[in-house]
Amino acid sequence: MTPQQARIPRHILPVLVLAQFAGTSLWFAVNAVMPDLQRELGWPASAVGPLTSSLQFGFIVGTLVFALLAIADRFSARKVFLFCALAGAACTVGAWAMVAHYEALLAWRFLTGVFLAGIYPVGMKIAAQWYTRGLGGALGLLIGALVLGSASAHALRALSGTLPWPTLMLGVAALAAGGGLLLFFGTGDPPHAHARVTTLQWRALGALWTDGRVRASVLGYFGHMWELYTMWVMVPLVLATRLQGPDLSWAAFWVLGAGVIGCAGGGWVALRWGSARVASAQLATSGLCCLATPWVIEAPALWFYGWLVLWGITVSGDSPQFSTLTASNAPPQAVGSVLTLTNSIGFGISIVSILLFVSLAETISLGALLPWLALGPALGLWAMKLLVREEAQHS
């Protein structure tokens, strides 16, 4: 540990991780209880699609507005995180109160997505302020918390037979609000924070295209996003070829939750090996998992489940390192805005990918369809060549 890192209180990282997990739990609050709502309200199975897309679209709009207005760089990041966590929790309570009205539920989920723009990327900006060195390890744990929170929707679905859906929704709202309060009162101003800017940072946002290093990590991230969320959506369909009911939900939780290993383990390795090489290695492995689909989707159980767990580990594990590289190379006064805009574009790509693959899955077998997800990793690996080469030269 460097002298600089030694001055950081030990509780900071656990607080950031817990707050990020709690805040991002809002993401799948409704998805987890959709089977119950469909039974009680008579909604078709297709209702979950627009609800998921509504939140994703809200997140894209929110991150775009936050980036263009430099919200996370012009105002206290802790206050932004707190406000958005409380507002997102209030939206979830609103969704609970008006759950029988589908159009109102769509609106509440859209607003929840908008406020999530002040939680996920802002949490990464706060971590970047605290951990000017060893950021890959810190973000590995931070995004690992997001992955676990995302996977927990499947665990909640498995438990939905014992927990009533209002309890789950209100519990998630309380958890998110608690996360915002925990981060605000559990941390102070980072010792290495740059002075807040007073003007918009549109020129700095151009670093996504004009700075070769930022462009490399951003394009790598975009390739990763083409694969990530579509893989998460398709995993239950893959598991449904062998499992059903609670067994399927628990298996999906373990497959997607395995991403914590890739995030945390990758962060630890990146401290010694470099973020670019760790991200590229995991991206290449997940791409190979895409290409392997035709051979392992009908293989014996050991190969089938081993393949899915490896894919779950690596499809998420590269994300913290892409964020680390972007945060490290972006203009210091605009880190929050650059990360937020990158998230906005990345999630836009993920929506296109999800809609395309879900539509094609109706007429094309999974074994023939899923290998095309490897296009994203292929693009990402091509873009990352510059950063990988620089790390190799300095090792």
Protein backbone atom coordinates (compact mmCIF):
# COMPACT_ATOMS: atom_id res chain seq x y z
CA MET A 1 0.00 0.00 0.00
CA THR A 2 1.34 3.41 -0.97
CA PRO A 3 1.49 6.27 1.56
CA GLN A 4 -1.22 7.98 -0.45
CA GLN A 5 -3.55 4.99 -0.13
CA ALA A 6 -2.71 4.55 3.54
CA ARG A 7 -4.34 7.92 4.31
CA ILE A 8 -7.72 6.72 3.04
CA PRO A 9 -9.90 5.55 5.96
CA ARG A 10 -10.57 1.83 5.78
CA HIS A 11 -14.33 2.24 5.97
CA ILE A 12 -14.56 4.26 2.75
CA LEU A 13 -14.50 1.36 0.29
CA PRO A 14 -17.05 -0.81 2.18
CA VAL A 15 -19.34 2.21 2.46
CA LEU A 16 -19.06 2.91 -1.28
CA VAL A 17 -19.70 -0.74 -2.16
CA LEU A 18 -22.74 -1.08 0.13
CA ALA A 19 -24.19 2.24 -1.00
CA GLN A 20 -23.76 1.32 -4.67
CA PHE A 21 -25.40 -2.07 -4.12
CA ALA A 22 -28.31 -0.49 -2.26
CA GLY A 23 -28.82 2.33 -4.74
CA THR A 24 -28.72 0.20 -7.86
CA SER A 25 -31.11 -2.37 -6.36
CA LEU A 26 -33.85 -0.08 -7.73
CA TRP A 27 -33.00 -1.34 -11.20
CA PHE A 28 -34.89 -4.62 -10.99
CA ALA A 29 -37.43 -3.89 -8.26
CA VAL A 30 -40.40 -4.40 -10.58
CA ASN A 31 -38.85 -7.16 -12.70
CA ALA A 32 -38.48 -9.32 -9.61
CA VAL A 33 -42.21 -9.18 -8.82
CA MET A 34 -43.55 -9.28 -12.39
CA PRO A 35 -44.73 -12.92 -12.17
CA ASP A 36 -46.89 -11.98 -9.16
CA LEU A 37 -48.25 -8.87 -10.88
CA GLN A 38 -49.06 -10.85 -14.02
CA ARG A 39 -51.03 -13.38 -11.98
CA GLU A 40 -52.92 -10.77 -9.94
CA LEU A 41 -53.57 -8.20 -12.68
CA GLY A 42 -53.82 -10.45 -15.73
CA TRP A 43 -50.95 -8.82 -17.61
CA PRO A 44 -49.42 -10.76 -20.52
CA ALA A 45 -45.89 -12.10 -20.30
CA SER A 46 -44.80 -9.45 -22.81
CA ALA A 47 -45.55 -6.67 -20.29
CA VAL A 48 -42.10 -7.04 -18.71
CA GLY A 49 -40.39 -5.93 -21.94
CA PRO A 50 -41.75 -2.37 -22.08
CA LEU A 51 -41.25 -1.96 -18.33
CA THR A 52 -37.58 -2.96 -18.61
CA SER A 53 -37.05 -0.80 -21.68
CA SER A 54 -38.76 2.15 -19.98
CA LEU A 55 -36.24 2.13 -17.16
CA GLN A 56 -33.32 1.64 -19.54
CA PHE A 57 -34.55 4.54 -21.67
CA GLY A 58 -34.91 6.70 -18.56
CA PHE A 59 -31.33 5.86 -17.61
CA ILE A 60 -30.11 6.85 -21.08
CA VAL A 61 -31.99 10.16 -20.95
CA GLY A 62 -30.79 10.80 -17.41
CA THR A 63 -27.14 10.07 -18.13
CA LEU A 64 -27.25 12.23 -21.27
CA VAL A 65 -28.72 15.18 -19.34
CA PHE A 66 -26.33 14.68 -16.42
CA ALA A 67 -23.37 14.58 -18.80
CA LEU A 68 -24.34 17.59 -20.92
CA LEU A 69 -25.11 19.70 -17.83
CA ALA A 70 -22.00 18.38 -15.99
CA ILE A 71 -24.15 17.69 -12.92
CA ALA A 72 -21.61 15.39 -11.21
CA ASP A 73 -18.76 17.85 -11.81
CA ARG A 74 -20.57 21.12 -11.00
CA PHE A 75 -22.19 19.94 -7.76
CA SER A 76 -21.14 17.83 -4.78
CA ALA A 77 -21.13 14.21 -5.97
CA ARG A 78 -22.21 13.03 -2.50
CA LYS A 79 -25.24 15.32 -2.56
CA VAL A 80 -26.13 14.25 -6.10
CA PHE A 81 -25.92 10.57 -5.06
CA LEU A 82 -28.07 11.20 -1.96
CA PHE A 83 -30.73 13.17 -3.83
CA CYS A 84 -30.99 10.60 -6.61
CA ALA A 85 -31.11 7.64 -4.19
CA LEU A 86 -33.96 9.27 -2.25
CA ALA A 87 -35.77 10.29 -5.44
CA GLY A 88 -35.36 6.81 -6.95
CA ALA A 89 -36.72 5.28 -3.74
CA ALA A 90 -39.70 7.66 -3.89
CA CYS A 91 -40.36 6.60 -7.50
CA THR A 92 -40.41 2.95 -6.42
CA VAL A 93 -42.92 3.79 -3.69
CA GLY A 94 -44.95 5.60 -6.36
CA ALA A 95 -44.78 2.52 -8.58
CA TRP A 96 -46.03 0.41 -5.65
CA ALA A 97 -48.91 2.80 -4.97
CA MET A 98 -50.03 2.88 -8.63
CA VAL A 99 -48.99 -0.60 -9.65
CA ALA A 100 -52.44 -1.50 -11.03
CA HIS A 101 -52.16 1.28 -13.64
CA TYR A 102 -49.76 0.02 -16.30
CA GLU A 103 -49.18 3.42 -17.97
CA ALA A 104 -48.41 5.04 -14.61
CA LEU A 105 -46.04 2.19 -13.79
CA LEU A 106 -44.19 2.82 -17.06
CA ALA A 107 -43.79 6.49 -16.11
CA TRP A 108 -42.53 5.70 -12.62
CA ARG A 109 -39.98 3.24 -14.00
CA PHE A 110 -38.81 5.82 -16.57
CA LEU A 111 -38.23 8.34 -13.76
CA THR A 112 -36.43 5.68 -11.71
CA GLY A 113 -34.05 5.21 -14.63
CA VAL A 114 -33.43 8.96 -14.80
CA PHE A 115 -32.42 9.06 -11.14
CA LEU A 116 -30.25 5.96 -11.47
CA ALA A 117 -28.06 8.18 -13.67
CA GLY A 118 -27.10 9.96 -10.46
CA ILE A 119 -26.25 6.72 -8.65
CA TYR A 120 -24.26 4.30 -10.81
CA PRO A 121 -21.86 6.64 -12.70
CA VAL A 122 -21.71 9.14 -9.83
CA GLY A 123 -20.69 6.35 -7.47
CA MET A 124 -17.81 5.55 -9.84
CA LYS A 125 -16.81 9.23 -9.94
CA ILE A 126 -16.69 9.32 -6.11
CA ALA A 127 -14.52 6.18 -6.07
CA ALA A 128 -12.20 7.77 -8.65
CA GLN A 129 -11.81 10.80 -6.38
CA TRP A 130 -10.85 8.68 -3.38
CA TYR A 131 -8.70 6.10 -5.14
CA THR A 132 -6.34 7.94 -7.47
CA ARG A 133 -4.20 4.80 -7.33
CA GLY A 134 -5.54 1.27 -7.25
CA LEU A 135 -8.76 2.46 -8.88
CA GLY A 136 -9.15 -0.83 -10.78
CA GLY A 137 -9.38 -2.76 -7.52
CA ALA A 138 -11.85 -0.29 -5.98
CA LEU A 139 -14.10 -0.23 -9.04
CA GLY A 140 -13.88 -4.02 -9.23
CA LEU A 141 -15.65 -4.23 -5.87
CA LEU A 142 -17.98 -1.33 -6.66
CA ILE A 143 -19.25 -2.72 -9.98
CA GLY A 144 -19.25 -6.21 -8.44
CA ALA A 145 -21.89 -4.84 -6.07
CA LEU A 146 -23.91 -3.66 -9.07
CA VAL A 147 -23.63 -7.10 -10.69
CA LEU A 148 -24.77 -8.82 -7.51
CA GLY A 149 -27.66 -6.38 -7.19
CA SER A 150 -28.69 -7.09 -10.77
CA ALA A 151 -28.48 -10.85 -10.29
CA SER A 152 -30.48 -10.63 -7.06
CA ALA A 153 -33.65 -10.07 -9.10
CA HIS A 154 -33.56 -13.78 -9.94
CA ALA A 155 -33.07 -14.71 -6.29
CA LEU A 156 -35.99 -12.49 -5.32
CA ARG A 157 -38.09 -14.17 -7.98
CA ALA A 158 -37.20 -17.56 -6.53
CA LEU A 159 -38.27 -16.30 -3.09
CA SER A 160 -41.44 -14.60 -4.32
CA GLY A 161 -43.51 -17.53 -3.20
CA THR A 162 -42.67 -16.75 0.43
CA LEU A 163 -42.40 -12.93 0.35
CA PRO A 164 -45.39 -10.83 -0.80
CA TRP A 165 -44.58 -8.48 -3.69
CA PRO A 166 -45.42 -5.24 -1.79
CA THR A 167 -42.81 -6.20 0.80
CA LEU A 168 -40.20 -6.68 -1.90
CA MET A 169 -40.91 -3.37 -3.63
CA LEU A 170 -41.05 -1.30 -0.46
CA GLY A 171 -38.01 -3.12 0.90
CA VAL A 172 -35.99 -2.20 -2.19
CA ALA A 173 -37.10 1.43 -1.86
CA ALA A 174 -35.97 1.53 1.77
CA LEU A 175 -32.67 -0.14 0.84
CA ALA A 176 -31.95 2.48 -1.84
CA ALA A 177 -32.76 5.37 0.49
CA GLY A 178 -30.53 3.84 3.14
CA GLY A 179 -27.71 3.55 0.61
CA GLY A 180 -27.90 7.25 -0.20
CA LEU A 181 -27.85 8.21 3.48
CA LEU A 182 -25.00 5.78 4.17
CA LEU A 183 -22.78 7.28 1.48
CA PHE A 184 -23.57 10.88 2.42
CA PHE A 185 -23.00 10.53 6.15
CA GLY A 186 -20.46 7.69 5.99
CA THR A 187 -17.95 9.53 3.78
CA GLY A 188 -16.56 13.04 3.61
CA ASP A 189 -15.10 15.05 0.78
CA PRO A 190 -12.34 13.05 -0.95
CA PRO A 191 -8.82 14.33 -0.24
CA HIS A 192 -7.93 14.36 -3.95
CA ALA A 193 -11.14 15.91 -5.30
CA HIS A 194 -10.70 18.55 -7.96
CA ALA A 195 -12.41 21.90 -7.51
CA ARG A 196 -15.94 21.79 -8.84
CA VAL A 197 -16.33 23.42 -12.22
CA THR A 198 -18.74 26.29 -12.80
CA THR A 199 -19.19 25.91 -16.56
CA LEU A 200 -20.47 23.20 -18.85
CA GLN A 201 -17.84 20.68 -19.99
CA TRP A 202 -18.91 20.05 -23.58
CA ARG A 203 -15.38 20.45 -24.97
CA ALA A 204 -14.04 17.97 -22.40
CA LEU A 205 -16.73 15.49 -23.45
CA GLY A 206 -15.08 15.46 -26.87
CA ALA A 207 -12.26 13.44 -25.31
CA LEU A 208 -14.36 10.35 -26.09
CA TRP A 209 -13.37 10.85 -29.74
CA THR A 210 -10.31 13.14 -29.75
CA ASP A 211 -8.14 11.47 -27.08
CA GLY A 212 -6.74 8.16 -28.36
CA ARG A 213 -6.56 6.53 -24.92
CA VAL A 214 -10.07 7.55 -23.90
CA ARG A 215 -11.40 6.50 -27.30
CA ALA A 216 -9.79 3.07 -26.95
CA SER A 217 -11.33 2.32 -23.55
CA VAL A 218 -14.72 3.77 -24.56
CA LEU A 219 -14.92 1.68 -27.74
CA GLY A 220 -13.86 -1.37 -25.73
CA TYR A 221 -16.69 -0.61 -23.30
CA PHE A 222 -19.18 -0.24 -26.15
CA GLY A 223 -18.22 -3.69 -27.46
CA HIS A 224 -18.67 -5.05 -23.95
CA MET A 225 -22.14 -3.45 -23.69
CA TRP A 226 -23.27 -5.04 -26.98
CA GLU A 227 -22.80 -8.40 -25.25
CA LEU A 228 -23.43 -7.87 -21.52
CA TYR A 229 -27.11 -7.09 -21.04
CA THR A 230 -28.24 -9.22 -23.96
CA MET A 231 -26.41 -12.16 -22.41
CA TRP A 232 -28.17 -11.43 -19.10
CA VAL A 233 -31.55 -11.38 -20.85
CA MET A 234 -30.83 -14.60 -22.78
CA VAL A 235 -29.47 -16.66 -19.86
CA PRO A 236 -32.96 -17.60 -18.56
CA LEU A 237 -33.87 -18.75 -22.08
CA VAL A 238 -30.75 -20.92 -22.20
CA LEU A 239 -31.45 -22.37 -18.75
CA ALA A 240 -35.09 -22.98 -19.68
CA THR A 241 -33.88 -25.73 -22.04
CA ARG A 242 -33.09 -27.76 -18.89
CA LEU A 243 -34.74 -26.13 -15.86
CA GLN A 244 -37.96 -24.42 -14.81
CA GLY A 245 -39.51 -22.62 -11.84
CA PRO A 246 -37.39 -21.75 -8.78
CA ASP A 247 -34.55 -24.00 -10.00
CA LEU A 248 -34.22 -21.87 -13.12
CA SER A 249 -34.28 -18.62 -11.09
CA TRP A 250 -31.61 -19.84 -8.67
CA ALA A 251 -29.42 -21.06 -11.52
CA ALA A 252 -29.74 -17.66 -13.26
CA PHE A 253 -28.79 -15.93 -10.01
CA TRP A 254 -25.63 -18.02 -9.65
CA VAL A 255 -24.62 -17.63 -13.31
CA LEU A 256 -25.06 -13.85 -13.36
CA GLY A 257 -23.87 -13.39 -9.78
CA ALA A 258 -20.62 -15.13 -10.73
CA GLY A 259 -19.72 -11.82 -12.34
CA VAL A 260 -18.69 -10.66 -8.86
CA ILE A 261 -15.71 -13.02 -9.15
CA GLY A 262 -14.69 -11.44 -12.44
CA CYS A 263 -15.11 -7.89 -11.11
CA ALA A 264 -13.36 -8.33 -7.76
CA GLY A 265 -10.78 -10.85 -8.96
CA GLY A 266 -10.08 -8.83 -12.09
CA GLY A 267 -9.57 -5.73 -9.96
CA TRP A 268 -7.03 -7.56 -7.81
CA VAL A 269 -5.15 -8.85 -10.85
CA ALA A 270 -5.26 -5.42 -12.52
CA LEU A 271 -3.20 -3.96 -9.66
CA ARG A 272 -0.34 -6.20 -10.79
CA TRP A 273 -1.02 -6.78 -14.49
CA GLY A 274 -2.76 -3.60 -15.67
CA SER A 275 -6.39 -2.74 -16.39
CA ALA A 276 -6.10 -2.90 -20.19
CA ARG A 277 -4.72 -6.42 -20.22
CA VAL A 278 -7.23 -7.67 -17.64
CA ALA A 279 -10.16 -6.12 -19.52
CA SER A 280 -8.96 -7.54 -22.85
CA ALA A 281 -8.39 -11.02 -21.41
CA GLN A 282 -11.90 -11.16 -19.95
CA LEU A 283 -13.44 -9.67 -23.08
CA ALA A 284 -11.70 -12.29 -25.22
CA THR A 285 -12.86 -15.10 -22.92
CA SER A 286 -16.49 -13.96 -22.94
CA GLY A 287 -16.31 -13.63 -26.74
CA LEU A 288 -15.10 -17.22 -26.98
CA CYS A 289 -18.02 -18.26 -24.75
CA CYS A 290 -20.36 -16.67 -27.32
CA LEU A 291 -18.72 -18.60 -30.14
CA ALA A 292 -18.85 -21.86 -28.15
CA THR A 293 -22.64 -21.81 -27.83
CA PRO A 294 -23.46 -24.27 -30.66
CA TRP A 295 -21.22 -26.94 -29.12
CA VAL A 296 -22.01 -26.60 -25.40
CA ILE A 297 -25.69 -25.68 -25.28
CA GLU A 298 -26.57 -29.38 -25.64
CA ALA A 299 -23.43 -30.75 -23.95
CA PRO A 300 -23.43 -32.82 -20.73
CA ALA A 301 -24.40 -30.91 -17.59
CA LEU A 302 -20.82 -30.36 -16.35
CA TRP A 303 -19.78 -28.64 -19.57
CA PHE A 304 -23.08 -26.77 -19.91
CA TYR A 305 -23.08 -25.22 -16.44
CA GLY A 306 -19.32 -24.68 -16.42
CA TRP A 307 -19.63 -22.75 -19.69
CA LEU A 308 -22.41 -20.55 -18.31
CA VAL A 309 -20.53 -19.77 -15.09
CA LEU A 310 -17.35 -18.90 -17.00
CA TRP A 311 -19.38 -16.67 -19.28
CA GLY A 312 -21.06 -15.05 -16.27
CA ILE A 313 -17.67 -14.35 -14.66
CA THR A 314 -16.05 -12.78 -17.70
CA VAL A 315 -18.99 -10.96 -19.32
CA SER A 316 -19.15 -8.64 -16.29
CA GLY A 317 -15.57 -8.78 -15.05
CA ASP A 318 -14.13 -6.44 -17.68
CA SER A 319 -16.54 -3.58 -16.93
CA PRO A 320 -14.65 -2.11 -13.91
CA GLN A 321 -11.41 -1.99 -15.87
CA PHE A 322 -12.99 -0.14 -18.80
CA SER A 323 -14.33 2.42 -16.32
CA THR A 324 -10.91 2.62 -14.64
CA LEU A 325 -9.16 3.31 -17.92
CA THR A 326 -11.72 5.93 -18.96
CA ALA A 327 -11.62 7.68 -15.56
CA SER A 328 -7.82 7.65 -15.50
CA ASN A 329 -7.40 9.13 -18.97
CA ALA A 330 -10.33 11.58 -19.07
CA PRO A 331 -9.79 15.31 -18.32
CA PRO A 332 -9.65 15.47 -14.48
CA GLN A 333 -12.25 18.23 -14.21
CA ALA A 334 -14.76 16.24 -16.29
CA VAL A 335 -14.38 12.65 -15.07
CA GLY A 336 -17.99 12.47 -13.87
CA SER A 337 -19.39 13.84 -17.11
CA VAL A 338 -17.23 11.61 -19.34
CA LEU A 339 -18.18 8.48 -17.38
CA THR A 340 -21.85 9.46 -17.48
CA LEU A 341 -21.90 10.11 -21.23
CA THR A 342 -20.07 6.83 -21.82
CA ASN A 343 -22.74 5.03 -19.79
CA SER A 344 -25.48 6.76 -21.77
CA ILE A 345 -24.15 5.63 -25.15
CA GLY A 346 -23.29 2.16 -23.84
CA PHE A 347 -26.79 1.54 -22.53
CA GLY A 348 -28.22 2.80 -25.82
CA ILE A 349 -26.16 0.13 -27.58
CA SER A 350 -27.41 -2.48 -25.11
CA ILE A 351 -31.06 -1.67 -25.87
CA VAL A 352 -30.47 -2.09 -29.60
CA SER A 353 -28.73 -5.41 -28.96
CA ILE A 354 -31.43 -6.69 -26.59
CA LEU A 355 -34.31 -5.82 -28.94
CA LEU A 356 -32.50 -7.34 -31.91
CA PHE A 357 -31.55 -10.63 -30.26
CA VAL A 358 -34.86 -11.13 -28.42
CA SER A 359 -36.70 -10.59 -31.71
CA LEU A 360 -34.44 -12.96 -33.65
CA ALA A 361 -34.72 -15.61 -30.89
CA GLU A 362 -38.34 -16.17 -31.96
CA THR A 363 -37.21 -17.64 -35.28
CA ILE A 364 -33.53 -18.59 -34.84
CA SER A 365 -32.21 -21.24 -32.45
CA LEU A 366 -30.07 -20.04 -29.54
CA GLY A 367 -27.16 -22.14 -30.76
CA ALA A 368 -27.13 -20.28 -34.08
CA LEU A 369 -27.96 -16.84 -32.65
CA LEU A 370 -25.77 -16.30 -29.58
CA PRO A 371 -22.39 -16.57 -31.40
CA TRP A 372 -23.23 -13.23 -33.06
CA LEU A 373 -22.85 -11.56 -29.66
CA ALA A 374 -19.10 -12.04 -30.21
CA LEU A 375 -19.15 -9.09 -32.61
CA GLY A 376 -19.03 -6.77 -29.60
CA PRO A 377 -15.97 -8.35 -27.97
CA ALA A 378 -14.24 -8.45 -31.37
CA LEU A 379 -14.70 -4.69 -31.80
CA GLY A 380 -13.61 -4.07 -28.21
CA LEU A 381 -10.42 -6.11 -28.57
CA TRP A 382 -9.52 -4.27 -31.77
CA ALA A 383 -10.02 -0.90 -30.07
CA MET A 384 -7.99 -1.85 -26.97
CA LYS A 385 -4.80 -2.71 -28.87
CA LEU A 386 -3.25 0.70 -28.12
CA LEU A 387 -3.73 0.47 -24.36
CA VAL A 388 -2.64 -3.17 -24.18
CA ARG A 389 0.53 -2.37 -26.11
CA GLU A 390 1.33 0.57 -23.83
CA GLU A 391 0.89 -1.56 -20.69
CA ALA A 392 3.12 -4.29 -22.11
CA GLN A 393 5.85 -1.74 -22.83
CA HIS A 394 5.76 -0.35 -19.30
CA SER A 395 5.60 -3.67 -17.45
